[in-house]
């Protein structure tokens, strides 16, 4: 009994999933919605980005209200409302080209299962694709030419915005393991859990420091809030494939306090995209 109490997760009754325009005057909201309808929907999901720092930094860079407005947070708490595996292949090595066209992958897969080559219209099975095998990295080494990643859509307490965190290849194995452990131990879907995201510093075999994602369960949601998170998941699941992929999405950012904090976003380095071998089955789609 003592062990059960010690391992029990607290129900976070105060965690609030906010909706857009919540609390706004009804007439004003109706006018705003009417005006917004005049603009063409460009598809996809409106969300703010959460980027990893370069050089093994320990603070996430979270997009704010305005362009260039950023917060540096060592911990982010929220509810995962949707997550999916994703693969992308760039023929050129990261940071080797300044051409905008080279930032768009030559092949990409929004479900991590079927890749699409726009240039030829070809569809490929990701599991058997030669570019998705270890040891095929364009720069050599043990990694894959195709980069296996994961997108995580978060909602934070009292904030109506979606936040998008991309898990790089260096953290996928550990994030999958932690997600499996978090859900399996309590039998609760991720839409019913409040999760903490932190960073840890790691060093690759070439002595380059990089950041890895660390997850921890903090509590569970009450039934009504869990149900709302499930509704959000259903909404995103119908649109996530409309989100484009670009190398800019996965570029790291100078860590807070560094001399280059105000510099433009840096290109992703080999350290951030070094593959970690894993035969683990993914715990969620």
C-alpha atoms as a PDB file:
ATOM      1  CA  UNK A   1       0.000   0.000   0.000  1.00  0.00           C
ATOM      2  CA  UNK A   2       2.813   2.406   0.849  1.00  0.00           C
ATOM      3  CA  UNK A   3       4.403   1.766  -2.549  1.00  0.00           C
ATOM      4  CA  UNK A   4       1.128   2.497  -4.353  1.00  0.00           C
ATOM      5  CA  UNK A   5       0.743   5.829  -2.564  1.00  0.00           C
ATOM      6  CA  UNK A   6       4.348   6.775  -3.274  1.00  0.00           C
ATOM      7  CA  UNK A   7       4.009   6.103  -7.004  1.00  0.00           C
ATOM      8  CA  UNK A   8       0.536   7.584  -7.380  1.00  0.00           C
ATOM      9  CA  UNK A   9       0.228  10.593  -9.671  1.00  0.00           C
ATOM     10  CA  UNK A  10      -1.625  13.595  -8.354  1.00  0.00           C
ATOM     11  CA  UNK A  11      -4.675  14.767 -10.275  1.00  0.00           C
ATOM     12  CA  UNK A  12      -3.870  18.293 -11.437  1.00  0.00           C
ATOM     13  CA  UNK A  13      -7.315  19.822 -11.060  1.00  0.00           C
ATOM     14  CA  UNK A  14      -6.038  23.346 -11.720  1.00  0.00           C
ATOM     15  CA  UNK A  15      -4.493  22.559 -15.127  1.00  0.00           C
ATOM     16  CA  UNK A  16      -6.560  24.456 -17.675  1.00  0.00           C
ATOM     17  CA  UNK A  17      -6.697  23.819 -21.419  1.00  0.00           C
ATOM     18  CA  UNK A  18      -7.698  27.212 -22.771  1.00  0.00           C
ATOM     19  CA  UNK A  19      -9.612  27.733 -26.010  1.00  0.00           C
ATOM     20  CA  UNK A  20      -9.027  30.616 -28.443  1.00  0.00           C
ATOM     21  CA  UNK A  21     -11.077  33.732 -27.629  1.00  0.00           C
ATOM     22  CA  UNK A  22     -11.970  32.276 -24.239  1.00  0.00           C
ATOM     23  CA  UNK A  23     -13.494  34.951 -21.992  1.00  0.00           C
ATOM     24  CA  UNK A  24     -13.893  37.425 -24.859  1.00  0.00           C
ATOM     25  CA  UNK A  25     -17.053  39.482 -25.187  1.00  0.00           C
ATOM     26  CA  UNK A  26     -19.482  37.524 -27.408  1.00  0.00           C
ATOM     27  CA  UNK A  27     -20.178  40.397 -29.823  1.00  0.00           C
ATOM     28  CA  UNK A  28     -16.479  41.164 -30.190  1.00  0.00           C
ATOM     29  CA  UNK A  29     -15.677  37.490 -30.726  1.00  0.00           C
ATOM     30  CA  UNK A  30     -18.368  37.216 -33.415  1.00  0.00           C
ATOM     31  CA  UNK A  31     -16.943  40.262 -35.204  1.00  0.00           C
ATOM     32  CA  UNK A  32     -13.389  38.910 -34.988  1.00  0.00           C
ATOM     33  CA  UNK A  33     -14.399  35.507 -36.315  1.00  0.00           C
ATOM     34  CA  UNK A  34     -16.331  37.139 -39.170  1.00  0.00           C
ATOM     35  CA  UNK A  35     -13.273  39.187 -40.151  1.00  0.00           C
ATOM     36  CA  UNK A  36     -10.937  36.202 -39.881  1.00  0.00           C
ATOM     37  CA  UNK A  37     -13.191  34.337 -42.318  1.00  0.00           C
ATOM     38  CA  UNK A  38     -12.211  36.890 -44.982  1.00  0.00           C
ATOM     39  CA  UNK A  39      -8.711  35.392 -45.059  1.00  0.00           C
ATOM     40  CA  UNK A  40      -7.991  32.215 -46.966  1.00  0.00           C
ATOM     41  CA  UNK A  41      -7.107  29.237 -44.801  1.00  0.00           C
ATOM     42  CA  UNK A  42      -3.571  28.192 -45.758  1.00  0.00           C
ATOM     43  CA  UNK A  43      -3.959  24.811 -44.077  1.00  0.00           C
ATOM     44  CA  UNK A  44      -1.741  23.232 -41.483  1.00  0.00           C
ATOM     45  CA  UNK A  45      -1.739  23.980 -37.778  1.00  0.00           C
ATOM     46  CA  UNK A  46      -1.047  27.360 -36.238  1.00  0.00           C
ATOM     47  CA  UNK A  47       1.515  26.743 -33.525  1.00  0.00           C
ATOM     48  CA  UNK A  48       4.503  28.247 -31.786  1.00  0.00           C
ATOM     49  CA  UNK A  49       7.846  26.515 -31.964  1.00  0.00           C
ATOM     50  CA  UNK A  50       9.998  25.100 -29.192  1.00  0.00           C
ATOM     51  CA  UNK A  51      13.615  24.795 -30.330  1.00  0.00           C
ATOM     52  CA  UNK A  52      16.598  23.074 -28.790  1.00  0.00           C
ATOM     53  CA  UNK A  53      19.746  25.088 -28.037  1.00  0.00           C
ATOM     54  CA  UNK A  54      23.069  24.396 -29.658  1.00  0.00           C
ATOM     55  CA  UNK A  55      26.224  23.360 -27.821  1.00  0.00           C
ATOM     56  CA  UNK A  56      24.469  21.360 -25.113  1.00  0.00           C
ATOM     57  CA  UNK A  57      22.495  24.292 -23.675  1.00  0.00           C
ATOM     58  CA  UNK A  58      19.928  23.522 -20.978  1.00  0.00           C
ATOM     59  CA  UNK A  59      17.147  25.984 -21.875  1.00  0.00           C
ATOM     60  CA  UNK A  60      14.528  25.579 -24.597  1.00  0.00           C
ATOM     61  CA  UNK A  61      13.883  28.544 -26.893  1.00  0.00           C
ATOM     62  CA  UNK A  62      10.120  29.122 -26.960  1.00  0.00           C
ATOM     63  CA  UNK A  63       8.506  31.370 -29.563  1.00  0.00           C
ATOM     64  CA  UNK A  64       6.581  34.312 -28.113  1.00  0.00           C
ATOM     65  CA  UNK A  65       3.746  36.570 -29.272  1.00  0.00           C
ATOM     66  CA  UNK A  66       5.728  38.535 -31.850  1.00  0.00           C
ATOM     67  CA  UNK A  67       8.407  37.656 -34.406  1.00  0.00           C
ATOM     68  CA  UNK A  68      11.743  37.564 -32.634  1.00  0.00           C
ATOM     69  CA  UNK A  69      10.092  37.346 -29.215  1.00  0.00           C
ATOM     70  CA  UNK A  70      11.561  34.336 -27.400  1.00  0.00           C
ATOM     71  CA  UNK A  71      11.555  32.871 -23.914  1.00  0.00           C
ATOM     72  CA  UNK A  72      14.372  30.687 -22.566  1.00  0.00           C
ATOM     73  CA  UNK A  73      12.902  27.989 -20.332  1.00  0.00           C
ATOM     74  CA  UNK A  74      14.759  25.212 -18.521  1.00  0.00           C
ATOM     75  CA  UNK A  75      11.499  23.352 -17.983  1.00  0.00           C
ATOM     76  CA  UNK A  76       8.261  23.209 -19.950  1.00  0.00           C
ATOM     77  CA  UNK A  77       5.157  21.583 -18.540  1.00  0.00           C
ATOM     78  CA  UNK A  78       2.188  20.697 -20.672  1.00  0.00           C
ATOM     79  CA  UNK A  79      -0.103  18.063 -22.127  1.00  0.00           C
ATOM     80  CA  UNK A  80       0.848  16.219 -25.297  1.00  0.00           C
ATOM     81  CA  UNK A  81      -2.217  16.524 -27.509  1.00  0.00           C
ATOM     82  CA  UNK A  82      -0.674  14.812 -30.527  1.00  0.00           C
ATOM     83  CA  UNK A  83       2.593  13.225 -31.632  1.00  0.00           C
ATOM     84  CA  UNK A  84       3.779  11.495 -34.771  1.00  0.00           C
ATOM     85  CA  UNK A  85       6.931  10.008 -36.207  1.00  0.00           C
ATOM     86  CA  UNK A  86       8.408  11.739 -39.258  1.00  0.00           C
ATOM     87  CA  UNK A  87      11.289  11.108 -41.649  1.00  0.00           C
ATOM     88  CA  UNK A  88      13.129  13.499 -43.965  1.00  0.00           C
ATOM     89  CA  UNK A  89      16.063  13.149 -46.346  1.00  0.00           C
ATOM     90  CA  UNK A  90      18.304  16.037 -47.386  1.00  0.00           C
ATOM     91  CA  UNK A  91      20.919  15.035 -50.045  1.00  0.00           C
ATOM     92  CA  UNK A  92      23.354  17.727 -48.917  1.00  0.00           C
ATOM     93  CA  UNK A  93      25.030  17.618 -45.524  1.00  0.00           C
ATOM     94  CA  UNK A  94      23.551  19.958 -42.921  1.00  0.00           C
ATOM     95  CA  UNK A  95      24.862  23.507 -43.156  1.00  0.00           C
ATOM     96  CA  UNK A  96      26.754  22.828 -46.418  1.00  0.00           C
ATOM     97  CA  UNK A  97      24.460  24.902 -48.650  1.00  0.00           C
ATOM     98  CA  UNK A  98      22.957  28.368 -48.408  1.00  0.00           C
ATOM     99  CA  UNK A  99      20.346  27.703 -51.091  1.00  0.00           C
ATOM    100  CA  UNK A 100      16.782  27.992 -49.842  1.00  0.00           C
ATOM    101  CA  UNK A 101      15.790  25.086 -52.078  1.00  0.00           C
ATOM    102  CA  UNK A 102      18.224  22.790 -50.282  1.00  0.00           C
ATOM    103  CA  UNK A 103      16.372  23.305 -46.998  1.00  0.00           C
ATOM    104  CA  UNK A 104      13.379  21.413 -48.386  1.00  0.00           C
ATOM    105  CA  UNK A 105      13.877  17.642 -48.116  1.00  0.00           C
ATOM    106  CA  UNK A 106      14.159  15.630 -51.326  1.00  0.00           C
ATOM    107  CA  UNK A 107      11.968  12.994 -49.693  1.00  0.00           C
ATOM    108  CA  UNK A 108       9.770  13.180 -46.619  1.00  0.00           C
ATOM    109  CA  UNK A 109       7.301  11.071 -44.704  1.00  0.00           C
ATOM    110  CA  UNK A 110       4.758  12.568 -42.336  1.00  0.00           C
ATOM    111  CA  UNK A 111       3.945   9.215 -40.750  1.00  0.00           C
ATOM    112  CA  UNK A 112       7.392   7.631 -40.760  1.00  0.00           C
ATOM    113  CA  UNK A 113       6.072   4.830 -42.941  1.00  0.00           C
ATOM    114  CA  UNK A 114       5.734   6.032 -46.534  1.00  0.00           C
ATOM    115  CA  UNK A 115       8.133   8.522 -48.092  1.00  0.00           C
ATOM    116  CA  UNK A 116       7.250  10.801 -51.011  1.00  0.00           C
ATOM    117  CA  UNK A 117       9.698  12.149 -53.613  1.00  0.00           C
ATOM    118  CA  UNK A 118       8.059  15.282 -55.124  1.00  0.00           C
ATOM    119  CA  UNK A 119      10.539  15.410 -58.027  1.00  0.00           C
ATOM    120  CA  UNK A 120       9.450  12.019 -59.366  1.00  0.00           C
ATOM    121  CA  UNK A 121       6.156  11.311 -57.603  1.00  0.00           C
ATOM    122  CA  UNK A 122       7.656   8.097 -56.244  1.00  0.00           C
ATOM    123  CA  UNK A 123       6.429   6.527 -53.002  1.00  0.00           C
ATOM    124  CA  UNK A 124       8.850   4.520 -50.884  1.00  0.00           C
ATOM    125  CA  UNK A 125       8.464   2.164 -47.964  1.00  0.00           C
ATOM    126  CA  UNK A 126      10.507   3.794 -45.182  1.00  0.00           C
ATOM    127  CA  UNK A 127      11.344   0.479 -43.510  1.00  0.00           C
ATOM    128  CA  UNK A 128      13.034  -0.928 -46.617  1.00  0.00           C
ATOM    129  CA  UNK A 129      14.345   2.305 -48.158  1.00  0.00           C
ATOM    130  CA  UNK A 130      18.165   2.118 -48.552  1.00  0.00           C
ATOM    131  CA  UNK A 131      18.503   5.695 -47.283  1.00  0.00           C
ATOM    132  CA  UNK A 132      16.806   4.777 -44.004  1.00  0.00           C
ATOM    133  CA  UNK A 133      19.431   2.234 -42.970  1.00  0.00           C
ATOM    134  CA  UNK A 134      22.227   2.763 -40.443  1.00  0.00           C
ATOM    135  CA  UNK A 135      25.609   3.542 -41.953  1.00  0.00           C
ATOM    136  CA  UNK A 136      24.217   5.570 -44.887  1.00  0.00           C
ATOM    137  CA  UNK A 137      24.788   9.086 -43.494  1.00  0.00           C
ATOM    138  CA  UNK A 138      25.989  11.402 -46.273  1.00  0.00           C
ATOM    139  CA  UNK A 139      28.905  12.470 -44.057  1.00  0.00           C
ATOM    140  CA  UNK A 140      29.818   8.936 -43.072  1.00  0.00           C
ATOM    141  CA  UNK A 141      29.556   7.366 -39.653  1.00  0.00           C
ATOM    142  CA  UNK A 142      26.944   5.093 -38.137  1.00  0.00           C
ATOM    143  CA  UNK A 143      23.892   7.283 -38.759  1.00  0.00           C
ATOM    144  CA  UNK A 144      21.218   7.222 -41.438  1.00  0.00           C
ATOM    145  CA  UNK A 145      21.011   9.413 -44.528  1.00  0.00           C
ATOM    146  CA  UNK A 146      17.300   9.817 -43.733  1.00  0.00           C
ATOM    147  CA  UNK A 147      16.637  11.656 -40.487  1.00  0.00           C
ATOM    148  CA  UNK A 148      14.091  10.012 -38.169  1.00  0.00           C
ATOM    149  CA  UNK A 149      12.340  12.589 -36.006  1.00  0.00           C
ATOM    150  CA  UNK A 150       9.141  13.085 -34.052  1.00  0.00           C
ATOM    151  CA  UNK A 151       6.832  16.053 -33.723  1.00  0.00           C
ATOM    152  CA  UNK A 152       5.147  16.673 -30.385  1.00  0.00           C
ATOM    153  CA  UNK A 153       2.260  19.130 -30.117  1.00  0.00           C
ATOM    154  CA  UNK A 154       1.832  20.545 -26.614  1.00  0.00           C
ATOM    155  CA  UNK A 155      -0.685  22.694 -24.780  1.00  0.00           C
ATOM    156  CA  UNK A 156       0.435  24.599 -21.707  1.00  0.00           C
ATOM    157  CA  UNK A 157      -1.590  25.545 -18.673  1.00  0.00           C
ATOM    158  CA  UNK A 158      -3.997  28.406 -19.439  1.00  0.00           C
ATOM    159  CA  UNK A 159      -2.473  29.046 -22.880  1.00  0.00           C
ATOM    160  CA  UNK A 160      -4.674  28.595 -25.984  1.00  0.00           C
ATOM    161  CA  UNK A 161      -1.692  28.178 -28.327  1.00  0.00           C
ATOM    162  CA  UNK A 162      -0.349  24.916 -29.668  1.00  0.00           C
ATOM    163  CA  UNK A 163       3.414  24.479 -29.203  1.00  0.00           C
ATOM    164  CA  UNK A 164       5.475  22.313 -31.547  1.00  0.00           C
ATOM    165  CA  UNK A 165       8.558  20.501 -30.259  1.00  0.00           C
ATOM    166  CA  UNK A 166      10.582  18.425 -32.709  1.00  0.00           C
ATOM    167  CA  UNK A 167      12.454  15.493 -31.224  1.00  0.00           C
ATOM    168  CA  UNK A 168      15.761  15.061 -33.125  1.00  0.00           C
ATOM    169  CA  UNK A 169      17.332  11.660 -33.871  1.00  0.00           C
ATOM    170  CA  UNK A 170      19.597  12.023 -30.830  1.00  0.00           C
ATOM    171  CA  UNK A 171      16.625  11.983 -28.449  1.00  0.00           C
ATOM    172  CA  UNK A 172      14.137   9.698 -30.215  1.00  0.00           C
ATOM    173  CA  UNK A 173      15.164   6.449 -28.514  1.00  0.00           C
ATOM    174  CA  UNK A 174      15.036   7.995 -25.048  1.00  0.00           C
ATOM    175  CA  UNK A 175      11.780   9.886 -25.659  1.00  0.00           C
ATOM    176  CA  UNK A 176      10.125   6.713 -26.968  1.00  0.00           C
ATOM    177  CA  UNK A 177      11.349   4.793 -23.939  1.00  0.00           C
ATOM    178  CA  UNK A 178      10.100   7.444 -21.539  1.00  0.00           C
ATOM    179  CA  UNK A 179       6.734   7.710 -23.276  1.00  0.00           C
ATOM    180  CA  UNK A 180       6.286   3.951 -23.146  1.00  0.00           C
ATOM    181  CA  UNK A 181       7.188   3.901 -19.457  1.00  0.00           C
ATOM    182  CA  UNK A 182       4.940   6.844 -18.611  1.00  0.00           C
ATOM    183  CA  UNK A 183       1.865   5.411 -20.319  1.00  0.00           C
ATOM    184  CA  UNK A 184       2.357   1.723 -19.574  1.00  0.00           C
ATOM    185  CA  UNK A 185       3.036   2.184 -15.859  1.00  0.00           C
ATOM    186  CA  UNK A 186      -0.323   3.878 -15.245  1.00  0.00           C
ATOM    187  CA  UNK A 187      -2.353   2.785 -18.256  1.00  0.00           C
ATOM    188  CA  UNK A 188      -3.155   6.418 -19.060  1.00  0.00           C
ATOM    189  CA  UNK A 189      -3.028   7.888 -22.601  1.00  0.00           C
ATOM    190  CA  UNK A 190      -0.635  10.793 -23.095  1.00  0.00           C
ATOM    191  CA  UNK A 191      -3.609  13.126 -23.532  1.00  0.00           C
ATOM    192  CA  UNK A 192      -4.410  12.466 -19.886  1.00  0.00           C
ATOM    193  CA  UNK A 193      -0.985  13.326 -18.476  1.00  0.00           C
ATOM    194  CA  UNK A 194       0.837  16.520 -17.568  1.00  0.00           C
ATOM    195  CA  UNK A 195       4.451  16.044 -18.611  1.00  0.00           C
ATOM    196  CA  UNK A 196       7.629  17.975 -17.861  1.00  0.00           C
ATOM    197  CA  UNK A 197      10.276  18.538 -20.548  1.00  0.00           C
ATOM    198  CA  UNK A 198      13.833  19.367 -19.521  1.00  0.00           C
ATOM    199  CA  UNK A 199      17.222  19.141 -21.240  1.00  0.00           C
ATOM    200  CA  UNK A 200      20.415  17.284 -20.427  1.00  0.00           C
ATOM    201  CA  UNK A 201      23.870  17.804 -21.880  1.00  0.00           C
ATOM    202  CA  UNK A 202      25.471  14.980 -23.833  1.00  0.00           C
ATOM    203  CA  UNK A 203      28.666  14.594 -25.857  1.00  0.00           C
ATOM    204  CA  UNK A 204      29.012  12.573 -29.036  1.00  0.00           C
ATOM    205  CA  UNK A 205      31.965  10.387 -29.995  1.00  0.00           C
ATOM    206  CA  UNK A 206      33.629  13.357 -31.714  1.00  0.00           C
ATOM    207  CA  UNK A 207      33.566  15.415 -28.529  1.00  0.00           C
ATOM    208  CA  UNK A 208      30.742  17.726 -29.668  1.00  0.00           C
ATOM    209  CA  UNK A 209      28.236  18.760 -26.998  1.00  0.00           C
ATOM    210  CA  UNK A 210      24.515  18.655 -27.742  1.00  0.00           C
ATOM    211  CA  UNK A 211      21.208  18.694 -25.852  1.00  0.00           C
ATOM    212  CA  UNK A 212      18.948  15.722 -25.237  1.00  0.00           C
ATOM    213  CA  UNK A 213      15.298  15.810 -24.176  1.00  0.00           C
ATOM    214  CA  UNK A 214      14.336  14.496 -20.746  1.00  0.00           C
ATOM    215  CA  UNK A 215      10.684  13.793 -19.924  1.00  0.00           C
ATOM    216  CA  UNK A 216       8.960  13.211 -16.614  1.00  0.00           C
ATOM    217  CA  UNK A 217       5.317  12.690 -15.692  1.00  0.00           C
ATOM    218  CA  UNK A 218       4.008  15.312 -13.255  1.00  0.00           C
ATOM    219  CA  UNK A 219       0.354  14.401 -12.814  1.00  0.00           C
ATOM    220  CA  UNK A 220      -2.902  13.366 -14.429  1.00  0.00           C
ATOM    221  CA  UNK A 221      -5.768  15.449 -15.773  1.00  0.00           C
ATOM    222  CA  UNK A 222      -9.305  15.320 -14.404  1.00  0.00           C
ATOM    223  CA  UNK A 223     -11.764  13.504 -16.723  1.00  0.00           C
ATOM    224  CA  UNK A 224     -13.307  16.636 -18.273  1.00  0.00           C
ATOM    225  CA  UNK A 225      -9.906  18.148 -19.150  1.00  0.00           C
ATOM    226  CA  UNK A 226      -8.662  14.806 -20.457  1.00  0.00           C
ATOM    227  CA  UNK A 227     -11.706  14.627 -22.731  1.00  0.00           C
ATOM    228  CA  UNK A 228     -10.977  18.111 -24.082  1.00  0.00           C
ATOM    229  CA  UNK A 229      -7.350  17.135 -24.772  1.00  0.00           C
ATOM    230  CA  UNK A 230      -8.658  14.122 -26.690  1.00  0.00           C
ATOM    231  CA  UNK A 231     -10.808  16.434 -28.815  1.00  0.00           C
ATOM    232  CA  UNK A 232      -7.745  18.570 -29.566  1.00  0.00           C
ATOM    233  CA  UNK A 233      -5.869  15.437 -30.645  1.00  0.00           C
ATOM    234  CA  UNK A 234      -8.627  14.533 -33.092  1.00  0.00           C
ATOM    235  CA  UNK A 235      -8.528  18.030 -34.603  1.00  0.00           C
ATOM    236  CA  UNK A 236      -4.760  17.996 -35.120  1.00  0.00           C
ATOM    237  CA  UNK A 237      -4.752  14.457 -36.492  1.00  0.00           C
ATOM    238  CA  UNK A 238      -6.853  15.622 -39.449  1.00  0.00           C
ATOM    239  CA  UNK A 239      -4.367  18.393 -40.342  1.00  0.00           C
ATOM    240  CA  UNK A 240      -0.854  17.366 -39.320  1.00  0.00           C
ATOM    241  CA  UNK A 241       0.063  16.038 -42.772  1.00  0.00           C
ATOM    242  CA  UNK A 242      -0.504  19.522 -44.190  1.00  0.00           C
ATOM    243  CA  UNK A 243       2.489  20.827 -42.224  1.00  0.00           C
ATOM    244  CA  UNK A 244       5.556  21.264 -44.423  1.00  0.00           C
ATOM    245  CA  UNK A 245       9.059  20.157 -43.493  1.00  0.00           C
ATOM    246  CA  UNK A 246      12.105  22.402 -43.777  1.00  0.00           C
ATOM    247  CA  UNK A 247      15.610  22.280 -42.386  1.00  0.00           C
ATOM    248  CA  UNK A 248      14.803  25.579 -40.633  1.00  0.00           C
ATOM    249  CA  UNK A 249      12.295  23.699 -38.457  1.00  0.00           C
ATOM    250  CA  UNK A 250      15.111  21.698 -36.871  1.00  0.00           C
ATOM    251  CA  UNK A 251      17.905  24.236 -36.691  1.00  0.00           C
ATOM    252  CA  UNK A 252      19.290  24.718 -33.212  1.00  0.00           C
ATOM    253  CA  UNK A 253      19.487  28.148 -31.591  1.00  0.00           C
ATOM    254  CA  UNK A 254      22.382  29.690 -29.612  1.00  0.00           C
ATOM    255  CA  UNK A 255      21.953  28.941 -25.925  1.00  0.00           C
ATOM    256  CA  UNK A 256      20.810  31.664 -23.526  1.00  0.00           C
ATOM    257  CA  UNK A 257      23.711  33.690 -22.200  1.00  0.00           C
ATOM    258  CA  UNK A 258      26.031  32.907 -25.096  1.00  0.00           C
ATOM    259  CA  UNK A 259      27.673  35.644 -27.125  1.00  0.00           C
ATOM    260  CA  UNK A 260      25.612  34.636 -30.166  1.00  0.00           C
ATOM    261  CA  UNK A 261      22.219  34.691 -28.487  1.00  0.00           C
ATOM    262  CA  UNK A 262      20.995  37.455 -30.800  1.00  0.00           C
ATOM    263  CA  UNK A 263      22.464  35.939 -33.955  1.00  0.00           C
ATOM    264  CA  UNK A 264      20.303  34.319 -36.642  1.00  0.00           C
ATOM    265  CA  UNK A 265      19.207  30.743 -36.097  1.00  0.00           C
ATOM    266  CA  UNK A 266      22.112  28.389 -36.650  1.00  0.00           C
ATOM    267  CA  UNK A 267      21.984  25.489 -39.057  1.00  0.00           C
ATOM    268  CA  UNK A 268      21.579  22.090 -37.449  1.00  0.00           C
ATOM    269  CA  UNK A 269      24.908  20.415 -36.820  1.00  0.00           C
ATOM    270  CA  UNK A 270      25.956  16.806 -37.123  1.00  0.00           C
ATOM    271  CA  UNK A 271      25.850  16.519 -33.338  1.00  0.00           C
ATOM    272  CA  UNK A 272      22.151  17.317 -33.180  1.00  0.00           C
ATOM    273  CA  UNK A 273      21.370  14.831 -35.946  1.00  0.00           C
ATOM    274  CA  UNK A 274      23.668  11.943 -35.054  1.00  0.00           C
ATOM    275  CA  UNK A 275      21.556   8.798 -35.100  1.00  0.00           C
ATOM    276  CA  UNK A 276      21.167   6.607 -32.034  1.00  0.00           C
ATOM    277  CA  UNK A 277      20.633   2.980 -32.964  1.00  0.00           C
ATOM    278  CA  UNK A 278      17.359   1.593 -31.724  1.00  0.00           C
ATOM    279  CA  UNK A 279      15.219  -1.413 -32.464  1.00  0.00           C
ATOM    280  CA  UNK A 280      12.505  -0.290 -30.081  1.00  0.00           C
ATOM    281  CA  UNK A 281       8.929  -0.355 -31.330  1.00  0.00           C
ATOM    282  CA  UNK A 282       7.335   3.058 -31.202  1.00  0.00           C
ATOM    283  CA  UNK A 283       4.786   3.296 -28.381  1.00  0.00           C
ATOM    284  CA  UNK A 284       2.404   5.654 -30.156  1.00  0.00           C
ATOM    285  CA  UNK A 285       1.516   6.962 -33.604  1.00  0.00           C
END
